């Protein structure tokens, strides 16, 4: 079974600021939960995989976010320099 986490950044007007960042990971399928003896271990595996995937996709989105911020500020710096000249 696969878990897919997809994150996009949007402006106030709902327009996409960055393209979607998607991460897909394998998680235990429903049949892996065979009974009370294995439930805790299987759920722990699912939970750890999900948390690692969430952290990974958030790291990638944050890099895009900061990269966009740097580009935006670099553009502003150029405008400020032109106005001062």
PDB file of N, CA and C in Angstrom:
ATOM      1  N   UNK A   1       0.855  -1.158   0.000  1.00  0.00           N
ATOM      2  CA  UNK A   1       0.000   0.000   0.000  1.00  0.00           C
ATOM      3  C   UNK A   1       0.905   1.225   0.000  1.00  0.00           C
ATOM      4  N   UNK A   2       0.480   2.267  -0.641  1.00  0.00           N
ATOM      5  CA  UNK A   2       1.252   3.504  -0.743  1.00  0.00           C
ATOM      6  C   UNK A   2       0.531   4.642  -0.022  1.00  0.00           C
ATOM      7  N   UNK A   3       1.333   5.511   0.564  1.00  0.00           N
ATOM      8  CA  UNK A   3       0.816   6.762   1.126  1.00  0.00           C
ATOM      9  C   UNK A   3       1.454   7.868   0.304  1.00  0.00           C
ATOM     10  N   UNK A   4       0.635   8.774  -0.169  1.00  0.00           N
ATOM     11  CA  UNK A   4       1.136   9.898  -0.949  1.00  0.00           C
ATOM     12  C   UNK A   4       0.775  11.184  -0.225  1.00  0.00           C
ATOM     13  N   UNK A   5       1.805  11.982   0.054  1.00  0.00           N
ATOM     14  CA  UNK A   5       1.606  13.281   0.691  1.00  0.00           C
ATOM     15  C   UNK A   5       1.938  14.337  -0.350  1.00  0.00           C
ATOM     16  N   UNK A   6       1.003  15.254  -0.571  1.00  0.00           N
ATOM     17  CA  UNK A   6       1.171  16.285  -1.592  1.00  0.00           C
ATOM     18  C   UNK A   6       0.922  17.644  -0.938  1.00  0.00           C
ATOM     19  N   UNK A   7       1.884  18.559  -1.123  1.00  0.00           N
ATOM     20  CA  UNK A   7       1.782  19.878  -0.511  1.00  0.00           C
ATOM     21  C   UNK A   7       2.001  20.932  -1.583  1.00  0.00           C
ATOM     22  N   UNK A   8       1.154  21.950  -1.584  1.00  0.00           N
ATOM     23  CA  UNK A   8       1.339  23.093  -2.466  1.00  0.00           C
ATOM     24  C   UNK A   8       1.233  24.365  -1.639  1.00  0.00           C
ATOM     25  N   UNK A   9       1.932  25.390  -2.082  1.00  0.00           N
ATOM     26  CA  UNK A   9       1.830  26.708  -1.458  1.00  0.00           C
ATOM     27  C   UNK A   9       0.952  27.576  -2.346  1.00  0.00           C
ATOM     28  N   UNK A  10       0.037  28.312  -1.719  1.00  0.00           N
ATOM     29  CA  UNK A  10      -0.909  29.149  -2.450  1.00  0.00           C
ATOM     30  C   UNK A  10      -0.899  30.568  -1.902  1.00  0.00           C
ATOM     31  N   UNK A  11      -1.145  31.536  -2.793  1.00  0.00           N
ATOM     32  CA  UNK A  11      -1.345  32.923  -2.383  1.00  0.00           C
ATOM     33  C   UNK A  11      -2.736  33.086  -1.789  1.00  0.00           C
ATOM     34  N   UNK A  12      -3.018  34.284  -1.284  1.00  0.00           N
ATOM     35  CA  UNK A  12      -4.341  34.579  -0.714  1.00  0.00           C
ATOM     36  C   UNK A  12      -5.456  34.342  -1.739  1.00  0.00           C
ATOM     37  N   UNK A  13      -5.157  34.580  -3.016  1.00  0.00           N
ATOM     38  CA  UNK A  13      -6.169  34.400  -4.063  1.00  0.00           C
ATOM     39  C   UNK A  13      -6.264  32.951  -4.544  1.00  0.00           C
ATOM     40  N   UNK A  14      -5.610  32.038  -3.830  1.00  0.00           N
ATOM     41  CA  UNK A  14      -5.611  30.593  -4.101  1.00  0.00           C
ATOM     42  C   UNK A  14      -4.776  30.195  -5.314  1.00  0.00           C
ATOM     43  N   UNK A  15      -4.017  31.127  -5.899  1.00  0.00           N
ATOM     44  CA  UNK A  15      -3.146  30.739  -7.002  1.00  0.00           C
ATOM     45  C   UNK A  15      -1.912  30.038  -6.431  1.00  0.00           C
ATOM     46  N   UNK A  16      -1.447  29.010  -7.154  1.00  0.00           N
ATOM     47  CA  UNK A  16      -0.290  28.247  -6.698  1.00  0.00           C
ATOM     48  C   UNK A  16       0.969  29.085  -6.781  1.00  0.00           C
ATOM     49  N   UNK A  17       1.735  29.088  -5.708  1.00  0.00           N
ATOM     50  CA  UNK A  17       3.000  29.802  -5.664  1.00  0.00           C
ATOM     51  C   UNK A  17       4.132  28.881  -6.100  1.00  0.00           C
ATOM     52  N   UNK A  18       4.045  27.625  -5.727  1.00  0.00           N
ATOM     53  CA  UNK A  18       5.042  26.630  -6.125  1.00  0.00           C
ATOM     54  C   UNK A  18       4.309  25.426  -6.704  1.00  0.00           C
ATOM     55  N   UNK A  19       5.017  24.677  -7.518  1.00  0.00           N
ATOM     56  CA  UNK A  19       4.418  23.441  -7.992  1.00  0.00           C
ATOM     57  C   UNK A  19       4.327  22.477  -6.811  1.00  0.00           C
ATOM     58  N   UNK A  20       3.449  21.510  -6.923  1.00  0.00           N
ATOM     59  CA  UNK A  20       3.218  20.571  -5.832  1.00  0.00           C
ATOM     60  C   UNK A  20       4.480  19.778  -5.507  1.00  0.00           C
ATOM     61  N   UNK A  21       4.685  19.570  -4.230  1.00  0.00           N
ATOM     62  CA  UNK A  21       5.748  18.695  -3.748  1.00  0.00           C
ATOM     63  C   UNK A  21       5.063  17.423  -3.271  1.00  0.00           C
ATOM     64  N   UNK A  22       5.452  16.306  -3.834  1.00  0.00           N
ATOM     65  CA  UNK A  22       4.800  15.036  -3.525  1.00  0.00           C
ATOM     66  C   UNK A  22       5.840  14.030  -3.053  1.00  0.00           C
ATOM     67  N   UNK A  23       5.473  13.301  -2.027  1.00  0.00           N
ATOM     68  CA  UNK A  23       6.331  12.229  -1.532  1.00  0.00           C
ATOM     69  C   UNK A  23       5.454  10.994  -1.362  1.00  0.00           C
ATOM     70  N   UNK A  24       5.931   9.885  -1.859  1.00  0.00           N
ATOM     71  CA  UNK A  24       5.182   8.631  -1.773  1.00  0.00           C
ATOM     72  C   UNK A  24       6.026   7.605  -1.034  1.00  0.00           C
ATOM     73  N   UNK A  25       5.405   6.927  -0.080  1.00  0.00           N
ATOM     74  CA  UNK A  25       6.102   5.908   0.707  1.00  0.00           C
ATOM     75  C   UNK A  25       5.228   4.667   0.824  1.00  0.00           C
ATOM     76  N   UNK A  26       5.876   3.541   1.074  1.00  0.00           N
ATOM     77  CA  UNK A  26       5.158   2.291   1.319  1.00  0.00           C
ATOM     78  C   UNK A  26       4.738   2.227   2.782  1.00  0.00           C
ATOM     79  N   UNK A  27       3.516   1.813   3.011  1.00  0.00           N
ATOM     80  CA  UNK A  27       3.009   1.594   4.371  1.00  0.00           C
ATOM     81  C   UNK A  27       2.388   0.198   4.417  1.00  0.00           C
ATOM     82  N   UNK A  28       2.279  -0.369   5.606  1.00  0.00           N
ATOM     83  CA  UNK A  28       1.666  -1.698   5.709  1.00  0.00           C
ATOM     84  C   UNK A  28       0.231  -1.675   5.185  1.00  0.00           C
ATOM     85  N   UNK A  29      -0.146  -2.720   4.452  1.00  0.00           N
ATOM     86  CA  UNK A  29      -1.529  -2.793   3.988  1.00  0.00           C
ATOM     87  C   UNK A  29      -2.422  -3.331   5.112  1.00  0.00           C
ATOM     88  N   UNK A  30      -3.703  -3.308   4.870  1.00  0.00           N
ATOM     89  CA  UNK A  30      -4.661  -3.689   5.910  1.00  0.00           C
ATOM     90  C   UNK A  30      -4.458  -5.127   6.396  1.00  0.00           C
ATOM     91  N   UNK A  31      -4.009  -5.987   5.498  1.00  0.00           N
ATOM     92  CA  UNK A  31      -3.812  -7.391   5.861  1.00  0.00           C
ATOM     93  C   UNK A  31      -2.664  -7.576   6.857  1.00  0.00           C
ATOM     94  N   UNK A  32      -1.779  -6.584   6.958  1.00  0.00           N
ATOM     95  CA  UNK A  32      -0.664  -6.685   7.915  1.00  0.00           C
ATOM     96  C   UNK A  32      -1.153  -6.637   9.360  1.00  0.00           C
ATOM     97  N   UNK A  33      -2.324  -6.080   9.555  1.00  0.00           N
ATOM     98  CA  UNK A  33      -2.918  -6.011  10.899  1.00  0.00           C
ATOM     99  C   UNK A  33      -3.668  -7.316  11.129  1.00  0.00           C
ATOM    100  N   UNK A  34      -2.916  -8.363  11.456  1.00  0.00           N
ATOM    101  CA  UNK A  34      -3.504  -9.705  11.533  1.00  0.00           C
ATOM    102  C   UNK A  34      -4.153 -10.028  12.864  1.00  0.00           C
ATOM    103  N   UNK A  35      -3.899  -9.239  13.866  1.00  0.00           N
ATOM    104  CA  UNK A  35      -4.496  -9.533  15.158  1.00  0.00           C
ATOM    105  C   UNK A  35      -3.895  -8.669  16.241  1.00  0.00           C
ATOM    106  N   UNK A  36      -4.380  -8.835  17.448  1.00  0.00           N
ATOM    107  CA  UNK A  36      -3.930  -8.000  18.554  1.00  0.00           C
ATOM    108  C   UNK A  36      -2.442  -8.136  18.860  1.00  0.00           C
ATOM    109  N   UNK A  37      -1.865  -9.284  18.541  1.00  0.00           N
ATOM    110  CA  UNK A  37      -0.443  -9.497  18.832  1.00  0.00           C
ATOM    111  C   UNK A  37       0.468  -8.669  17.922  1.00  0.00           C
ATOM    112  N   UNK A  38       0.019  -8.362  16.731  1.00  0.00           N
ATOM    113  CA  UNK A  38       0.859  -7.636  15.772  1.00  0.00           C
ATOM    114  C   UNK A  38       0.402  -6.200  15.547  1.00  0.00           C
ATOM    115  N   UNK A  39      -0.749  -5.842  16.091  1.00  0.00           N
ATOM    116  CA  UNK A  39      -1.285  -4.511  15.817  1.00  0.00           C
ATOM    117  C   UNK A  39      -0.315  -3.407  16.222  1.00  0.00           C
ATOM    118  N   UNK A  40       0.204  -3.448  17.434  1.00  0.00           N
ATOM    119  CA  UNK A  40       1.093  -2.396  17.935  1.00  0.00           C
ATOM    120  C   UNK A  40       2.336  -2.232  17.089  1.00  0.00           C
ATOM    121  N   UNK A  41       2.976  -3.325  16.729  1.00  0.00           N
ATOM    122  CA  UNK A  41       4.197  -3.281  15.930  1.00  0.00           C
ATOM    123  C   UNK A  41       3.896  -2.759  14.523  1.00  0.00           C
ATOM    124  N   UNK A  42       2.826  -3.230  13.927  1.00  0.00           N
ATOM    125  CA  UNK A  42       2.469  -2.808  12.569  1.00  0.00           C
ATOM    126  C   UNK A  42       2.071  -1.338  12.560  1.00  0.00           C
ATOM    127  N   UNK A  43       1.301  -0.921  13.545  1.00  0.00           N
ATOM    128  CA  UNK A  43       0.893   0.478  13.605  1.00  0.00           C
ATOM    129  C   UNK A  43       2.109   1.378  13.834  1.00  0.00           C
ATOM    130  N   UNK A  44       3.024   0.943  14.667  1.00  0.00           N
ATOM    131  CA  UNK A  44       4.245   1.717  14.910  1.00  0.00           C
ATOM    132  C   UNK A  44       5.026   1.901  13.598  1.00  0.00           C
ATOM    133  N   UNK A  45       5.123   0.833  12.812  1.00  0.00           N
ATOM    134  CA  UNK A  45       5.801   0.911  11.520  1.00  0.00           C
ATOM    135  C   UNK A  45       5.090   1.925  10.620  1.00  0.00           C
ATOM    136  N   UNK A  46       3.776   1.856  10.561  1.00  0.00           N
ATOM    137  CA  UNK A  46       2.981   2.805   9.765  1.00  0.00           C
ATOM    138  C   UNK A  46       3.215   4.240  10.244  1.00  0.00           C
ATOM    139  N   UNK A  47       3.134   4.433  11.547  1.00  0.00           N
ATOM    140  CA  UNK A  47       3.258   5.767  12.122  1.00  0.00           C
ATOM    141  C   UNK A  47       4.646   6.359  11.866  1.00  0.00           C
ATOM    142  N   UNK A  48       5.697   5.570  12.057  1.00  0.00           N
ATOM    143  CA  UNK A  48       7.055   6.058  11.826  1.00  0.00           C
ATOM    144  C   UNK A  48       7.265   6.442  10.363  1.00  0.00           C
ATOM    145  N   UNK A  49       6.784   5.618   9.470  1.00  0.00           N
ATOM    146  CA  UNK A  49       6.902   5.905   8.044  1.00  0.00           C
ATOM    147  C   UNK A  49       6.157   7.185   7.690  1.00  0.00           C
ATOM    148  N   UNK A  50       4.958   7.341   8.229  1.00  0.00           N
ATOM    149  CA  UNK A  50       4.159   8.542   7.953  1.00  0.00           C
ATOM    150  C   UNK A  50       4.839   9.800   8.499  1.00  0.00           C
ATOM    151  N   UNK A  51       5.375   9.732   9.693  1.00  0.00           N
ATOM    152  CA  UNK A  51       6.047  10.889  10.281  1.00  0.00           C
ATOM    153  C   UNK A  51       7.310  11.271   9.503  1.00  0.00           C
ATOM    154  N   UNK A  52       8.073  10.274   9.100  1.00  0.00           N
ATOM    155  CA  UNK A  52       9.273  10.549   8.304  1.00  0.00           C
ATOM    156  C   UNK A  52       8.902  11.154   6.957  1.00  0.00           C
ATOM    157  N   UNK A  53       7.832  10.674   6.342  1.00  0.00           N
ATOM    158  CA  UNK A  53       7.371  11.219   5.063  1.00  0.00           C
ATOM    159  C   UNK A  53       6.902  12.661   5.237  1.00  0.00           C
ATOM    160  N   UNK A  54       6.149  12.917   6.285  1.00  0.00           N
ATOM    161  CA  UNK A  54       5.681  14.278   6.554  1.00  0.00           C
ATOM    162  C   UNK A  54       6.859  15.224   6.739  1.00  0.00           C
ATOM    163  N   UNK A  55       7.832  14.801   7.520  1.00  0.00           N
ATOM    164  CA  UNK A  55       9.008  15.640   7.750  1.00  0.00           C
ATOM    165  C   UNK A  55       9.771  15.885   6.451  1.00  0.00           C
ATOM    166  N   UNK A  56       9.896  14.855   5.641  1.00  0.00           N
ATOM    167  CA  UNK A  56      10.611  14.992   4.376  1.00  0.00           C
ATOM    168  C   UNK A  56       9.927  15.942   3.413  1.00  0.00           C
ATOM    169  N   UNK A  57       8.614  15.820   3.292  1.00  0.00           N
ATOM    170  CA  UNK A  57       7.891  16.694   2.363  1.00  0.00           C
ATOM    171  C   UNK A  57       7.880  18.130   2.887  1.00  0.00           C
ATOM    172  N   UNK A  58       7.803  18.312   4.182  1.00  0.00           N
ATOM    173  CA  UNK A  58       7.833  19.666   4.741  1.00  0.00           C
ATOM    174  C   UNK A  58       9.202  20.304   4.562  1.00  0.00           C
ATOM    175  N   UNK A  59      10.252  19.526   4.654  1.00  0.00           N
ATOM    176  CA  UNK A  59      11.591  20.053   4.413  1.00  0.00           C
ATOM    177  C   UNK A  59      11.714  20.527   2.960  1.00  0.00           C
ATOM    178  N   UNK A  60      11.221  19.718   2.028  1.00  0.00           N
ATOM    179  CA  UNK A  60      11.285  20.084   0.609  1.00  0.00           C
ATOM    180  C   UNK A  60      10.442  21.327   0.321  1.00  0.00           C
ATOM    181  N   UNK A  61       9.256  21.416   0.907  1.00  0.00           N
ATOM    182  CA  UNK A  61       8.387  22.582   0.696  1.00  0.00           C
ATOM    183  C   UNK A  61       9.026  23.830   1.308  1.00  0.00           C
ATOM    184  N   UNK A  62       9.626  23.684   2.459  1.00  0.00           N
ATOM    185  CA  UNK A  62      10.274  24.827   3.107  1.00  0.00           C
ATOM    186  C   UNK A  62      11.428  25.337   2.262  1.00  0.00           C
ATOM    187  N   UNK A  63      12.184  24.438   1.645  1.00  0.00           N
ATOM    188  CA  UNK A  63      13.261  24.864   0.744  1.00  0.00           C
ATOM    189  C   UNK A  63      12.703  25.671  -0.425  1.00  0.00           C
ATOM    190  N   UNK A  64      11.585  25.221  -0.985  1.00  0.00           N
ATOM    191  CA  UNK A  64      10.945  25.966  -2.077  1.00  0.00           C
ATOM    192  C   UNK A  64      10.464  27.326  -1.584  1.00  0.00           C
ATOM    193  N   UNK A  65       9.881  27.338  -0.395  1.00  0.00           N
ATOM    194  CA  UNK A  65       9.354  28.577   0.186  1.00  0.00           C
ATOM    195  C   UNK A  65      10.475  29.591   0.397  1.00  0.00           C
ATOM    196  N   UNK A  66      11.557  29.153   1.021  1.00  0.00           N
ATOM    197  CA  UNK A  66      12.691  30.041   1.281  1.00  0.00           C
ATOM    198  C   UNK A  66      13.327  30.476  -0.038  1.00  0.00           C
ATOM    199  N   UNK A  67      13.430  29.555  -0.998  1.00  0.00           N
ATOM    200  CA  UNK A  67      13.966  29.907  -2.306  1.00  0.00           C
ATOM    201  C   UNK A  67      13.135  30.979  -2.985  1.00  0.00           C
ATOM    202  N   UNK A  68      11.819  30.887  -2.876  1.00  0.00           N
ATOM    203  CA  UNK A  68      10.937  31.905  -3.436  1.00  0.00           C
ATOM    204  C   UNK A  68      11.093  33.230  -2.725  1.00  0.00           C
ATOM    205  N   UNK A  69      11.287  33.191  -1.440  1.00  0.00           N
ATOM    206  CA  UNK A  69      11.481  34.399  -0.648  1.00  0.00           C
ATOM    207  C   UNK A  69      12.776  35.095  -1.052  1.00  0.00           C
ATOM    208  N   UNK A  70      13.828  34.305  -1.247  1.00  0.00           N
ATOM    209  CA  UNK A  70      15.112  34.860  -1.654  1.00  0.00           C
ATOM    210  C   UNK A  70      14.988  35.518  -3.027  1.00  0.00           C
ATOM    211  N   UNK A  71      14.317  34.836  -3.966  1.00  0.00           N
ATOM    212  CA  UNK A  71      14.137  35.397  -5.300  1.00  0.00           C
ATOM    213  C   UNK A  71      13.348  36.707  -5.245  1.00  0.00           C
ATOM    214  N   UNK A  72      12.294  36.716  -4.441  1.00  0.00           N
ATOM    215  CA  UNK A  72      11.455  37.910  -4.323  1.00  0.00           C
ATOM    216  C   UNK A  72      12.260  39.064  -3.739  1.00  0.00           C
ATOM    217  N   UNK A  73      13.027  38.804  -2.702  1.00  0.00           N
ATOM    218  CA  UNK A  73      13.837  39.848  -2.080  1.00  0.00           C
ATOM    219  C   UNK A  73      14.967  40.296  -2.994  1.00  0.00           C
ATOM    220  N   UNK A  74      15.533  39.381  -3.780  1.00  0.00           N
ATOM    221  CA  UNK A  74      16.587  39.751  -4.726  1.00  0.00           C
ATOM    222  C   UNK A  74      16.012  40.706  -5.763  1.00  0.00           C
ATOM    223  N   UNK A  75      14.778  40.463  -6.190  1.00  0.00           N
ATOM    224  CA  UNK A  75      14.116  41.360  -7.133  1.00  0.00           C
ATOM    225  C   UNK A  75      13.876  42.726  -6.528  1.00  0.00           C
ATOM    226  N   UNK A  76      13.493  42.764  -5.278  1.00  0.00           N
ATOM    227  CA  UNK A  76      13.266  44.039  -4.581  1.00  0.00           C
ATOM    228  C   UNK A  76      14.570  44.813  -4.432  1.00  0.00           C
ATOM    229  N   UNK A  77      15.661  44.118  -4.114  1.00  0.00           N
ATOM    230  CA  UNK A  77      16.961  44.779  -3.966  1.00  0.00           C
ATOM    231  C   UNK A  77      17.367  45.438  -5.273  1.00  0.00           C
ATOM    232  N   UNK A  78      17.123  44.778  -6.396  1.00  0.00           N
ATOM    233  CA  UNK A  78      17.454  45.347  -7.691  1.00  0.00           C
ATOM    234  C   UNK A  78      16.637  46.585  -7.977  1.00  0.00           C
ATOM    235  N   UNK A  79      15.344  46.556  -7.622  1.00  0.00           N
ATOM    236  CA  UNK A  79      14.482  47.730  -7.814  1.00  0.00           C
ATOM    237  C   UNK A  79      14.950  48.883  -6.952  1.00  0.00           C
ATOM    238  N   UNK A  80      15.331  48.590  -5.713  1.00  0.00           N
ATOM    239  CA  UNK A  80      15.797  49.647  -4.784  1.00  0.00           C
ATOM    240  C   UNK A  80      17.065  50.269  -5.306  1.00  0.00           C
ATOM    241  N   UNK A  81      17.996  49.470  -5.803  1.00  0.00           N
ATOM    242  CA  UNK A  81      19.253  50.007  -6.337  1.00  0.00           C
ATOM    243  C   UNK A  81      18.996  50.899  -7.558  1.00  0.00           C
ATOM    244  N   UNK A  82      18.087  50.475  -8.432  1.00  0.00           N
ATOM    245  CA  UNK A  82      17.779  51.278  -9.617  1.00  0.00           C
ATOM    246  C   UNK A  82      17.160  52.609  -9.228  1.00  0.00           C
ATOM    247  N   UNK A  83      16.291  52.607  -8.215  1.00  0.00           N
ATOM    248  CA  UNK A  83      15.632  53.849  -7.785  1.00  0.00           C
ATOM    249  C   UNK A  83      16.627  54.818  -7.165  1.00  0.00           C
ATOM    250  N   UNK A  84      17.639  54.299  -6.471  1.00  0.00           N
ATOM    251  CA  UNK A  84      18.623  55.158  -5.807  1.00  0.00           C
ATOM    252  C   UNK A  84      19.560  55.795  -6.803  1.00  0.00           C
ATOM    253  N   UNK A  85      19.775  55.165  -7.942  1.00  0.00           N
ATOM    254  CA  UNK A  85      20.756  55.688  -8.920  1.00  0.00           C
ATOM    255  C   UNK A  85      20.262  56.874  -9.647  1.00  0.00           C
TER     256      UNK A  85
END
